[in-house]
């Protein structure tokens, strides 16, 4: 059975291809075994191997062997890497993953990414983000937020840190954390 193209950006062959490209192009200096990629995408090892072979033949990823392990990473030297990474980030990156994982949570007024990931997304120079910081304004169930964060971490491949702020605290804006977040780049997560 052939998997359908993902509805977010149907130029990709499958959701698996999009998820693999997100893992390999959006995590700087990331290098993963095929088994790790299979676990992260929820696909079979053979499906991941076939898709990685296709991507490697296209010059989008590279692999090397250490013993029996095949390590795969994005081909940073490819002229297609940067524009493809932008397309992948829009459709399979943290914004989309967080939107999906937080979709069913009630009590959220504002959901945004802040911190280094948002700063790099806005074009600020600096080190590659080591995590994704999420601002949750509202009064959601904290256990549900924790569960959504855990699922998102598994899909994004970076630690995800959610900070829940009450609407009153956000509106008052008189503490240091809220002031810093308000003046720094933020990326909205569609709800």
Protein backbone atom coordinates (compact mmCIF):
# COMPACT_ATOMS: atom_id res chain seq x y z
CA UNK A 1 0.00 0.00 0.00
CA UNK A 2 1.34 3.41 -0.94
CA UNK A 3 1.05 6.10 1.72
CA UNK A 4 -0.64 9.30 0.54
CA UNK A 5 1.29 12.53 0.15
CA UNK A 6 1.06 14.73 3.24
CA UNK A 7 -1.72 17.32 2.91
CA UNK A 8 0.40 20.15 4.35
CA UNK A 9 2.89 20.13 1.51
CA UNK A 10 1.96 17.45 -1.04
CA UNK A 11 5.18 17.86 -3.02
CA UNK A 12 6.73 15.30 -0.67
CA UNK A 13 6.26 11.64 -1.51
CA UNK A 14 4.93 10.77 1.93
CA UNK A 15 4.67 11.86 5.53
CA UNK A 16 7.68 9.63 6.22
CA UNK A 17 9.79 11.58 3.75
CA UNK A 18 8.76 14.86 5.36
CA UNK A 19 9.46 13.56 8.86
CA UNK A 20 12.87 12.22 7.80
CA UNK A 21 13.79 15.50 6.15
CA UNK A 22 12.74 17.36 9.31
CA UNK A 23 14.94 15.13 11.45
CA UNK A 24 17.91 15.38 9.10
CA UNK A 25 17.72 19.00 7.93
CA UNK A 26 16.27 20.84 10.92
CA UNK A 27 18.58 19.52 13.63
CA UNK A 28 21.97 21.10 12.93
CA UNK A 29 24.83 18.62 12.98
CA UNK A 30 22.36 15.84 13.68
CA UNK A 31 23.50 12.37 12.71
CA UNK A 32 21.18 9.45 13.29
CA UNK A 33 21.17 5.71 12.86
CA UNK A 34 18.44 4.20 10.72
CA UNK A 35 16.99 2.59 13.86
CA UNK A 36 16.77 5.95 15.61
CA UNK A 37 15.06 7.47 12.57
CA UNK A 38 12.60 4.56 12.47
CA UNK A 39 11.74 5.08 16.16
CA UNK A 40 11.34 8.85 15.73
CA UNK A 41 9.10 8.56 12.68
CA UNK A 42 7.17 5.48 13.78
CA UNK A 43 8.01 3.79 10.46
CA UNK A 44 9.52 0.40 9.81
CA UNK A 45 13.28 0.11 9.49
CA UNK A 46 12.96 -1.10 5.89
CA UNK A 47 10.75 1.88 4.93
CA UNK A 48 13.24 4.30 6.48
CA UNK A 49 16.13 2.59 4.70
CA UNK A 50 14.37 2.84 1.31
CA UNK A 51 13.54 6.51 1.82
CA UNK A 52 17.07 7.36 3.03
CA UNK A 53 18.48 5.59 -0.04
CA UNK A 54 16.28 7.78 -2.28
CA UNK A 55 17.29 10.96 -0.45
CA UNK A 56 20.96 10.02 -0.60
CA UNK A 57 20.80 9.36 -4.34
CA UNK A 58 19.24 12.82 -4.72
CA UNK A 59 22.15 14.37 -2.82
CA UNK A 60 19.99 15.65 0.04
CA UNK A 61 21.41 13.42 2.77
CA UNK A 62 24.69 11.60 3.28
CA UNK A 63 25.50 8.50 5.25
CA UNK A 64 28.55 6.77 6.63
CA UNK A 65 29.15 3.48 8.32
CA UNK A 66 30.64 2.79 11.71
CA UNK A 67 30.69 -0.96 12.16
CA UNK A 68 27.20 -2.22 11.41
CA UNK A 69 25.58 1.15 12.02
CA UNK A 70 24.66 3.45 9.17
CA UNK A 71 24.72 7.08 10.31
CA UNK A 72 22.69 9.56 8.27
CA UNK A 73 22.81 13.36 8.22
CA UNK A 74 21.66 16.22 6.03
CA UNK A 75 23.97 17.16 3.16
CA UNK A 76 24.76 20.75 4.12
CA UNK A 77 26.75 21.29 0.92
CA UNK A 78 23.75 20.66 -1.30
CA UNK A 79 22.38 23.81 -2.97
CA UNK A 80 18.90 22.49 -2.18
CA UNK A 81 19.56 22.05 1.57
CA UNK A 82 18.71 25.57 2.81
CA UNK A 83 15.55 26.15 0.74
CA UNK A 84 14.36 22.61 1.36
CA UNK A 85 14.96 23.01 5.10
CA UNK A 86 12.74 26.12 5.05
CA UNK A 87 9.93 24.24 3.32
CA UNK A 88 10.31 21.30 5.68
CA UNK A 89 10.29 23.62 8.73
CA UNK A 90 7.00 25.13 7.59
CA UNK A 91 5.31 21.79 7.10
CA UNK A 92 7.02 19.36 9.47
CA UNK A 93 9.02 21.53 11.88
CA UNK A 94 8.36 22.60 15.45
CA UNK A 95 5.51 24.99 14.63
CA UNK A 96 3.50 22.31 12.86
CA UNK A 97 4.38 19.56 15.34
CA UNK A 98 3.41 21.74 18.32
CA UNK A 99 0.18 22.80 16.60
CA UNK A 100 -0.73 19.14 16.16
CA UNK A 101 0.28 18.05 19.67
CA UNK A 102 -1.50 20.96 21.44
CA UNK A 103 -4.58 20.92 19.16
CA UNK A 104 -6.89 19.16 21.62
CA UNK A 105 -5.85 21.04 24.75
CA UNK A 106 -8.43 23.41 26.22
CA UNK A 107 -7.74 26.54 28.23
CA UNK A 108 -4.95 27.98 26.05
CA UNK A 109 -5.23 31.64 25.05
CA UNK A 110 -1.77 32.08 23.49
CA UNK A 111 0.63 29.40 22.22
CA UNK A 112 4.00 30.60 20.87
CA UNK A 113 7.61 29.55 20.47
CA UNK A 114 10.15 31.90 22.02
CA UNK A 115 13.84 31.72 22.85
CA UNK A 116 16.69 30.70 20.58
CA UNK A 117 14.54 28.76 18.10
CA UNK A 118 12.28 31.78 17.53
CA UNK A 119 15.31 34.07 17.30
CA UNK A 120 16.96 31.92 14.61
CA UNK A 121 13.62 31.67 12.80
CA UNK A 122 13.49 35.49 12.80
CA UNK A 123 16.97 35.61 11.27
CA UNK A 124 19.02 36.49 14.35
CA UNK A 125 22.49 34.99 14.25
CA UNK A 126 23.69 32.68 16.98
CA UNK A 127 24.25 29.09 17.89
CA UNK A 128 21.85 26.49 16.63
CA UNK A 129 18.96 26.05 19.06
CA UNK A 130 19.49 23.27 21.57
CA UNK A 131 15.80 23.23 22.51
CA UNK A 132 12.40 24.67 21.71
CA UNK A 133 10.80 26.97 24.28
CA UNK A 134 7.01 27.17 24.26
CA UNK A 135 4.92 29.88 25.90
CA UNK A 136 1.48 28.73 27.01
CA UNK A 137 -0.76 31.55 28.22
CA UNK A 138 -3.92 30.28 29.83
CA UNK A 139 -5.03 27.70 32.34
CA UNK A 140 -4.68 24.33 30.61
CA UNK A 141 -4.41 21.02 32.39
CA UNK A 142 -0.72 20.80 33.33
CA UNK A 143 -0.57 17.04 32.82
CA UNK A 144 -1.98 17.45 29.31
CA UNK A 145 0.67 20.11 28.57
CA UNK A 146 3.37 17.74 29.85
CA UNK A 147 2.05 14.92 27.64
CA UNK A 148 1.92 17.20 24.57
CA UNK A 149 5.50 18.32 25.24
CA UNK A 150 6.71 14.72 25.55
CA UNK A 151 5.10 13.76 22.22
CA UNK A 152 6.51 16.86 20.52
CA UNK A 153 10.04 16.14 21.80
CA UNK A 154 9.93 12.70 20.25
CA UNK A 155 8.91 14.12 16.88
CA UNK A 156 11.10 17.24 16.82
CA UNK A 157 14.23 15.61 18.18
CA UNK A 158 15.04 18.49 20.54
CA UNK A 159 14.03 19.08 24.15
CA UNK A 160 10.79 21.07 24.39
CA UNK A 161 10.26 23.32 27.40
CA UNK A 162 6.78 24.68 28.04
CA UNK A 163 6.22 27.61 30.36
CA UNK A 164 2.62 28.11 31.45
CA UNK A 165 1.73 31.71 32.32
CA UNK A 166 -1.63 32.81 33.68
CA UNK A 167 -3.58 35.29 31.57
CA UNK A 168 -3.43 37.83 34.41
CA UNK A 169 0.36 37.59 34.66
CA UNK A 170 0.72 37.88 30.87
CA UNK A 171 -1.58 40.90 30.71
CA UNK A 172 0.12 42.63 33.65
CA UNK A 173 3.53 42.16 32.03
CA UNK A 174 5.31 43.46 35.09
CA UNK A 175 7.75 40.62 35.80
CA UNK A 176 11.12 40.09 34.14
CA UNK A 177 10.24 36.85 32.37
CA UNK A 178 7.12 38.24 30.70
CA UNK A 179 8.94 41.44 29.71
CA UNK A 180 11.84 39.48 28.15
CA UNK A 181 9.51 37.19 26.22
CA UNK A 182 7.36 40.09 24.99
CA UNK A 183 10.36 41.99 23.60
CA UNK A 184 12.05 38.98 21.98
CA UNK A 185 11.12 37.19 18.76
CA UNK A 186 8.14 34.85 19.05
CA UNK A 187 6.56 32.51 16.53
CA UNK A 188 2.85 31.90 16.82
CA UNK A 189 1.55 28.36 16.79
CA UNK A 190 -1.80 28.08 14.98
CA UNK A 191 -4.69 26.82 17.11
